[in-house]
Structure formats: C-alpha cells, structure tokens
C-alpha atoms as a PDB file:
ATOM      1  CA  MET A   1       0.404  47.470  20.435  1.00  0.00           C
ATOM      2  CA  GLU A   2      -3.283  48.348  18.532  1.00  0.00           C
ATOM      3  CA  ILE A   3      -6.058  46.141  18.598  1.00  0.00           C
ATOM      4  CA  ASN A   4      -8.609  47.944  16.935  1.00  0.00           C
ATOM      5  CA  ASN A   5      -6.219  48.993  14.358  1.00  0.00           C
ATOM      6  CA  SER A   6      -6.809  47.097  10.609  1.00  0.00           C
ATOM      7  CA  SER A   7      -2.743  47.603  10.269  1.00  0.00           C
ATOM      8  CA  ASN A   8      -2.612  44.151  12.865  1.00  0.00           C
ATOM      9  CA  PRO A   9      -2.146  40.804  11.006  1.00  0.00           C
ATOM     10  CA  LEU A  10      -4.303  38.830  13.554  1.00  0.00           C
ATOM     11  CA  ILE A  11      -7.474  41.098  13.301  1.00  0.00           C
ATOM     12  CA  GLY A  12      -9.723  40.015  10.152  1.00  0.00           C
ATOM     13  CA  SER A  13      -7.644  36.764   9.136  1.00  0.00           C
ATOM     14  CA  LYS A  14     -10.155  34.497  10.810  1.00  0.00           C
ATOM     15  CA  THR A  15     -12.643  35.291   6.930  1.00  0.00           C
ATOM     16  CA  ASN A  16      -9.385  33.783   5.413  1.00  0.00           C
ATOM     17  CA  VAL A  17      -9.555  30.222   7.652  1.00  0.00           C
ATOM     18  CA  GLN A  18     -10.691  27.321   5.486  1.00  0.00           C
ATOM     19  CA  ARG A  19     -11.865  24.579   7.656  1.00  0.00           C
ATOM     20  CA  LEU A  20     -10.710  20.932   7.175  1.00  0.00           C
ATOM     21  CA  ASP A  21     -12.945  18.149   8.133  1.00  0.00           C
ATOM     22  CA  SER A  22     -11.311  14.883   9.457  1.00  0.00           C
ATOM     23  CA  PRO A  23     -12.497  11.703   7.379  1.00  0.00           C
ATOM     24  CA  GLN A  24     -15.221  10.400  10.189  1.00  0.00           C
ATOM     25  CA  GLN A  25     -16.771  14.338  10.790  1.00  0.00           C
ATOM     26  CA  GLN A  26     -16.987  14.099   7.399  1.00  0.00           C
ATOM     27  CA  GLU A  27     -18.986  10.688   7.507  1.00  0.00           C
ATOM     28  CA  ARG A  28     -21.017  12.292  10.468  1.00  0.00           C
ATOM     29  CA  THR A  29     -22.072  14.780   7.872  1.00  0.00           C
ATOM     30  CA  GLN A  30     -22.799  12.339   5.225  1.00  0.00           C
ATOM     31  CA  LYS A  31     -25.116  10.110   7.570  1.00  0.00           C
ATOM     32  CA  SER A  32     -26.804  13.017   8.766  1.00  0.00           C
ATOM     33  CA  ASP A  33     -26.973  14.547   4.749  1.00  0.00           C
ATOM     34  CA  GLY A  34     -29.881  11.289   4.732  1.00  0.00           C
ATOM     35  CA  GLY A  35     -27.463   8.406   3.446  1.00  0.00           C
ATOM     36  CA  ARG A  36     -27.115   9.645   0.162  1.00  0.00           C
ATOM     37  CA  ASN A  37     -23.337   8.632   0.121  1.00  0.00           C
ATOM     38  CA  LEU A  38     -23.664   5.878   1.906  1.00  0.00           C
ATOM     39  CA  ASP A  39     -24.395   3.271  -1.530  1.00  0.00           C
ATOM     40  CA  ALA A  40     -21.422   4.838  -3.733  1.00  0.00           C
ATOM     41  CA  ASP A  41     -19.310   3.524  -0.256  1.00  0.00           C
ATOM     42  CA  ARG A  42     -20.974  -0.229  -0.311  1.00  0.00           C
ATOM     43  CA  LEU A  43     -20.120  -0.371  -4.234  1.00  0.00           C
ATOM     44  CA  GLU A  44     -16.653   0.557  -3.311  1.00  0.00           C
ATOM     45  CA  LEU A  45     -15.813  -1.947  -0.911  1.00  0.00           C
ATOM     46  CA  SER A  46     -17.937  -4.745  -3.102  1.00  0.00           C
ATOM     47  CA  VAL A  47     -15.536  -4.707  -5.754  1.00  0.00           C
ATOM     48  CA  ARG A  48     -12.566  -4.132  -3.595  1.00  0.00           C
ATOM     49  CA  SER A  49     -13.880  -7.267  -2.105  1.00  0.00           C
ATOM     50  CA  ARG A  50     -14.206  -8.722  -4.867  1.00  0.00           C
ATOM     51  CA  GLU A  51     -10.286  -8.023  -6.259  1.00  0.00           C
ATOM     52  CA  ILE A  52      -8.665  -9.184  -3.211  1.00  0.00           C
ATOM     53  CA  SER A  53     -10.743 -12.782  -2.949  1.00  0.00           C
ATOM     54  CA  HIS A  54      -9.612 -12.720  -6.771  1.00  0.00           C
ATOM     55  CA  ILE A  55      -5.902 -12.062  -5.232  1.00  0.00           C
ATOM     56  CA  ASP A  56      -6.701 -14.325  -2.522  1.00  0.00           C
ATOM     57  CA  GLU A  57      -7.709 -17.563  -5.650  1.00  0.00           C
ATOM     58  CA  LEU A  58      -4.955 -16.796  -7.210  1.00  0.00           C
ATOM     59  CA  VAL A  59      -2.347 -16.967  -4.621  1.00  0.00           C
ATOM     60  CA  ARG A  60      -3.645 -20.429  -3.873  1.00  0.00           C
ATOM     61  CA  SER A  61      -3.663 -21.796  -7.125  1.00  0.00           C
ATOM     62  CA  THR A  62      -0.116 -21.211  -7.278  1.00  0.00           C
ATOM     63  CA  PRO A  63       1.746 -24.259  -6.264  1.00  0.00           C
ATOM     64  CA  ASP A  64       4.799 -23.621  -3.950  1.00  0.00           C
ATOM     65  CA  VAL A  65       7.483 -24.554  -5.766  1.00  0.00           C
ATOM     66  CA  ARG A  66       8.212 -24.034  -9.575  1.00  0.00           C
ATOM     67  CA  GLU A  67       8.637 -28.080 -10.425  1.00  0.00           C
ATOM     68  CA  MET A  68       9.141 -26.982 -14.053  1.00  0.00           C
ATOM     69  CA  LYS A  69      12.471 -24.657 -13.029  1.00  0.00           C
ATOM     70  CA  VAL A  70      13.889 -26.610 -10.420  1.00  0.00           C
ATOM     71  CA  GLU A  71      13.926 -29.582 -12.976  1.00  0.00           C
ATOM     72  CA  GLN A  72      15.728 -27.504 -15.567  1.00  0.00           C
ATOM     73  CA  VAL A  73      18.648 -26.143 -12.508  1.00  0.00           C
ATOM     74  CA  ARG A  74      18.707 -29.862 -11.822  1.00  0.00           C
ATOM     75  CA  ARG A  75      19.254 -31.197 -15.560  1.00  0.00           C
ATOM     76  CA  GLU A  76      21.942 -27.746 -15.798  1.00  0.00           C
ATOM     77  CA  ILE A  77      24.206 -29.333 -12.403  1.00  0.00           C
ATOM     78  CA  GLU A  78      24.321 -32.892 -13.286  1.00  0.00           C
ATOM     79  CA  ALA A  79      25.223 -31.681 -16.684  1.00  0.00           C
ATOM     80  CA  GLY A  80      27.934 -29.460 -15.311  1.00  0.00           C
ATOM     81  CA  THR A  81      26.014 -26.296 -17.200  1.00  0.00           C
ATOM     82  CA  TYR A  82      24.932 -24.907 -14.524  1.00  0.00           C
ATOM     83  CA  ASN A  83      26.704 -21.735 -14.120  1.00  0.00           C
ATOM     84  CA  VAL A  84      25.813 -18.502 -11.562  1.00  0.00           C
ATOM     85  CA  LYS A  85      27.054 -14.958 -11.316  1.00  0.00           C
ATOM     86  CA  ALA A  86      29.537 -14.693  -8.408  1.00  0.00           C
ATOM     87  CA  GLU A  87      27.757 -11.477  -7.666  1.00  0.00           C
ATOM     88  CA  LYS A  88      24.213 -12.729  -7.843  1.00  0.00           C
ATOM     89  CA  ILE A  89      25.862 -15.038  -4.650  1.00  0.00           C
ATOM     90  CA  ALA A  90      27.510 -11.824  -3.125  1.00  0.00           C
ATOM     91  CA  GLU A  91      23.525  -9.826  -3.372  1.00  0.00           C
ATOM     92  CA  LYS A  92      22.004 -12.777  -1.780  1.00  0.00           C
ATOM     93  CA  ILE A  93      24.627 -13.137   0.960  1.00  0.00           C
ATOM     94  CA  ILE A  94      24.449  -8.922   1.397  1.00  0.00           C
ATOM     95  CA  GLY A  95      20.920  -9.321   1.187  1.00  0.00           C
ATOM     96  CA  GLY A  96      20.345 -11.550   3.937  1.00  0.00           C
ATOM     97  CA  TYR A  97      23.463 -10.239   6.277  1.00  0.00           C
ATOM     98  CA  LEU A  98      20.810  -6.581   6.489  1.00  0.00           C
ATOM     99  CA  LEU A  99      17.475  -8.461   6.519  1.00  0.00           C
ATOM    100  CA  ASP A 100      19.044 -10.690   9.516  1.00  0.00           C
ATOM    101  CA  LYS A 101      20.325  -7.387  11.419  1.00  0.00           C
ATOM    102  CA  LEU A 102      17.090  -5.649  10.599  1.00  0.00           C
ATOM    103  CA  GLY A 103      14.603  -8.399  12.326  1.00  0.00           C
END
C-alpha cells in the first residue's frame, strides 16, 4: 500500500468534501453576521402566528353539532327513508376495531 502515491483514492479526497452545517450552526453564523437575516425570521414567525390564530378562531366558531344535518337525518329516520349502505357500516366497524387495537 502506497500512501504517497496519487493512485490511492483516499488521498486528495478532502478537496471534494463539502461541509453541511446544522440549522443551529447556520443560526449562529447568521447571528454573527450582524443579524441581517433575523428580521426575515421574525416576519415569517409573525405571519405564521397570524395564520394559526385565524385557524384557531375558525375552529372555535364552528359548532360542535351540525344541527341542520341532525334534523335532516331525524326527519328521514321518522319517515322511514333514511338509507345507509352496509359497506359504510362495515367500514366504520372495522375502522373502529383497528383504532382500538392501535390504541
């Protein structure tokens, strides 16, 4: 085995290696750069925060029970016209069983 010979594939391979910094190292580099990129990060977090707040408001304003749907099903049951496919019932039973097994 010759170490000084250029025929060794490991010799000189350091020039082809690129360094990949972790997100924490990149953040430290950005902070040491005078904080140029910190304003963009704050803007991103602020926009994201407003989106989450808006979604939270929508979820809270949605009623727990869809009264119109419940009333429609109630009328169909009373009239004897409510029809459910057996496949749908089987899917729900099997799905519930599988969820119980996982939990």
